[in-house]
Amino acid sequence: MSIVVGKEPYDWRHVAQISADGDEIPKAQAKRNARLIAAAPDLLEALRAVVRVADRKTAEFDLARAAIAKALGEEA
């Protein structure tokens, strides 16, 4: 599967195309994937806001910080 994005790898607001490269992906799954990709910028900003206002030294917040780093292409 290929995803065409904006100029920067973390600039998810510019998702332009989703296509299957030789793999058969059921339409329902492709639609779910597209909705998740479209929501990704909002999900990332919401998670960053939660960590910003309520950061704690817990396993859950470690997971949140790791997910943010992954979305931004950074080391956790």
C-alpha atoms as a PDB file:
ATOM      1  CA  MET A   1       0.000   0.000   0.000  1.00  0.00           C
ATOM      2  CA  SER A   2       1.353   3.446  -0.782  1.00  0.00           C
ATOM      3  CA  ILE A   3       0.430   6.755   0.799  1.00  0.00           C
ATOM      4  CA  VAL A   4       1.301  10.053  -0.832  1.00  0.00           C
ATOM      5  CA  VAL A   5       1.796  12.805   1.748  1.00  0.00           C
ATOM      6  CA  GLY A   6       2.933  16.423   1.872  1.00  0.00           C
ATOM      7  CA  LYS A   7       6.486  17.724   1.730  1.00  0.00           C
ATOM      8  CA  GLU A   8       7.404  16.574   5.236  1.00  0.00           C
ATOM      9  CA  PRO A   9       6.971  13.023   6.571  1.00  0.00           C
ATOM     10  CA  TYR A  10       5.014  14.343   9.565  1.00  0.00           C
ATOM     11  CA  ASP A  11       2.757  16.674   7.564  1.00  0.00           C
ATOM     12  CA  TRP A  12      -0.241  14.323   7.577  1.00  0.00           C
ATOM     13  CA  ARG A  13      -2.735  17.058   6.664  1.00  0.00           C
ATOM     14  CA  HIS A  14      -1.837  16.579   3.004  1.00  0.00           C
ATOM     15  CA  VAL A  15      -2.781  12.956   2.422  1.00  0.00           C
ATOM     16  CA  ALA A  16      -3.535  12.928  -1.270  1.00  0.00           C
ATOM     17  CA  GLN A  17      -3.794   9.344  -2.408  1.00  0.00           C
ATOM     18  CA  ILE A  18      -4.174   5.851  -1.068  1.00  0.00           C
ATOM     19  CA  SER A  19      -3.679   2.926  -3.404  1.00  0.00           C
ATOM     20  CA  ALA A  20      -3.028  -0.791  -3.205  1.00  0.00           C
ATOM     21  CA  ASP A  21       0.089  -1.851  -5.078  1.00  0.00           C
ATOM     22  CA  GLY A  22      -0.885  -5.277  -6.336  1.00  0.00           C
ATOM     23  CA  ASP A  23      -2.500  -6.273  -3.042  1.00  0.00           C
ATOM     24  CA  GLU A  24      -6.202  -6.832  -2.879  1.00  0.00           C
ATOM     25  CA  ILE A  25      -7.624  -4.740  -0.061  1.00  0.00           C
ATOM     26  CA  PRO A  26     -11.347  -5.043   0.588  1.00  0.00           C
ATOM     27  CA  LYS A  27     -13.165  -1.748   0.007  1.00  0.00           C
ATOM     28  CA  ALA A  28     -14.487  -1.686   3.570  1.00  0.00           C
ATOM     29  CA  GLN A  29     -10.948  -2.011   4.953  1.00  0.00           C
ATOM     30  CA  ALA A  30      -9.637   0.653   2.578  1.00  0.00           C
ATOM     31  CA  LYS A  31     -12.390   3.022   3.750  1.00  0.00           C
ATOM     32  CA  ARG A  32     -11.543   2.344   7.414  1.00  0.00           C
ATOM     33  CA  ASN A  33      -7.860   2.961   6.665  1.00  0.00           C
ATOM     34  CA  ALA A  34      -8.691   6.215   4.878  1.00  0.00           C
ATOM     35  CA  ARG A  35     -10.820   7.441   7.808  1.00  0.00           C
ATOM     36  CA  LEU A  36      -8.018   6.650  10.263  1.00  0.00           C
ATOM     37  CA  ILE A  37      -5.436   8.418   8.102  1.00  0.00           C
ATOM     38  CA  ALA A  38      -7.731  11.424   7.726  1.00  0.00           C
ATOM     39  CA  ALA A  39      -8.206  11.583  11.512  1.00  0.00           C
ATOM     40  CA  ALA A  40      -4.483  11.168  12.272  1.00  0.00           C
ATOM     41  CA  PRO A  41      -3.652  14.910  12.493  1.00  0.00           C
ATOM     42  CA  ASP A  42      -6.484  15.506  14.961  1.00  0.00           C
ATOM     43  CA  LEU A  43      -5.573  12.411  16.978  1.00  0.00           C
ATOM     44  CA  LEU A  44      -1.925  13.489  17.147  1.00  0.00           C
ATOM     45  CA  GLU A  45      -2.778  17.021  18.263  1.00  0.00           C
ATOM     46  CA  ALA A  46      -5.240  15.720  20.867  1.00  0.00           C
ATOM     47  CA  LEU A  47      -2.663  13.303  22.278  1.00  0.00           C
ATOM     48  CA  ARG A  48      -0.007  16.035  22.352  1.00  0.00           C
ATOM     49  CA  ALA A  49      -2.432  18.298  24.236  1.00  0.00           C
ATOM     50  CA  VAL A  50      -3.234  15.610  26.817  1.00  0.00           C
ATOM     51  CA  VAL A  51       0.461  14.935  27.418  1.00  0.00           C
ATOM     52  CA  ARG A  52       1.163  18.663  27.616  1.00  0.00           C
ATOM     53  CA  VAL A  53      -1.396  19.300  30.372  1.00  0.00           C
ATOM     54  CA  ALA A  54      -1.320  16.015  32.288  1.00  0.00           C
ATOM     55  CA  ASP A  55       2.046  14.337  31.679  1.00  0.00           C
ATOM     56  CA  ARG A  56       2.805  11.709  34.293  1.00  0.00           C
ATOM     57  CA  LYS A  57       5.468   9.077  34.823  1.00  0.00           C
ATOM     58  CA  THR A  58       3.259   6.099  33.966  1.00  0.00           C
ATOM     59  CA  ALA A  59       3.347   3.319  31.406  1.00  0.00           C
ATOM     60  CA  GLU A  60       0.327   4.861  29.646  1.00  0.00           C
ATOM     61  CA  PHE A  61       2.047   8.222  29.231  1.00  0.00           C
ATOM     62  CA  ASP A  62       5.220   6.430  28.085  1.00  0.00           C
ATOM     63  CA  LEU A  63       3.086   4.846  25.358  1.00  0.00           C
ATOM     64  CA  ALA A  64       1.585   8.227  24.477  1.00  0.00           C
ATOM     65  CA  ARG A  65       5.020   9.873  24.208  1.00  0.00           C
ATOM     66  CA  ALA A  66       6.281   6.964  22.081  1.00  0.00           C
ATOM     67  CA  ALA A  67       3.264   7.230  19.750  1.00  0.00           C
ATOM     68  CA  ILE A  68       3.842  10.969  19.338  1.00  0.00           C
ATOM     69  CA  ALA A  69       7.520  10.416  18.562  1.00  0.00           C
ATOM     70  CA  LYS A  70       6.645   7.711  16.032  1.00  0.00           C
ATOM     71  CA  ALA A  71       4.112   9.950  14.304  1.00  0.00           C
ATOM     72  CA  LEU A  72       6.733  12.698  14.039  1.00  0.00           C
ATOM     73  CA  GLY A  73       9.440  10.322  12.796  1.00  0.00           C
ATOM     74  CA  GLU A  74      11.529  10.769  15.933  1.00  0.00           C
ATOM     75  CA  GLU A  75      13.186   8.314  18.304  1.00  0.00           C
ATOM     76  CA  ALA A  76      11.037   7.565  21.358  1.00  0.00           C
END
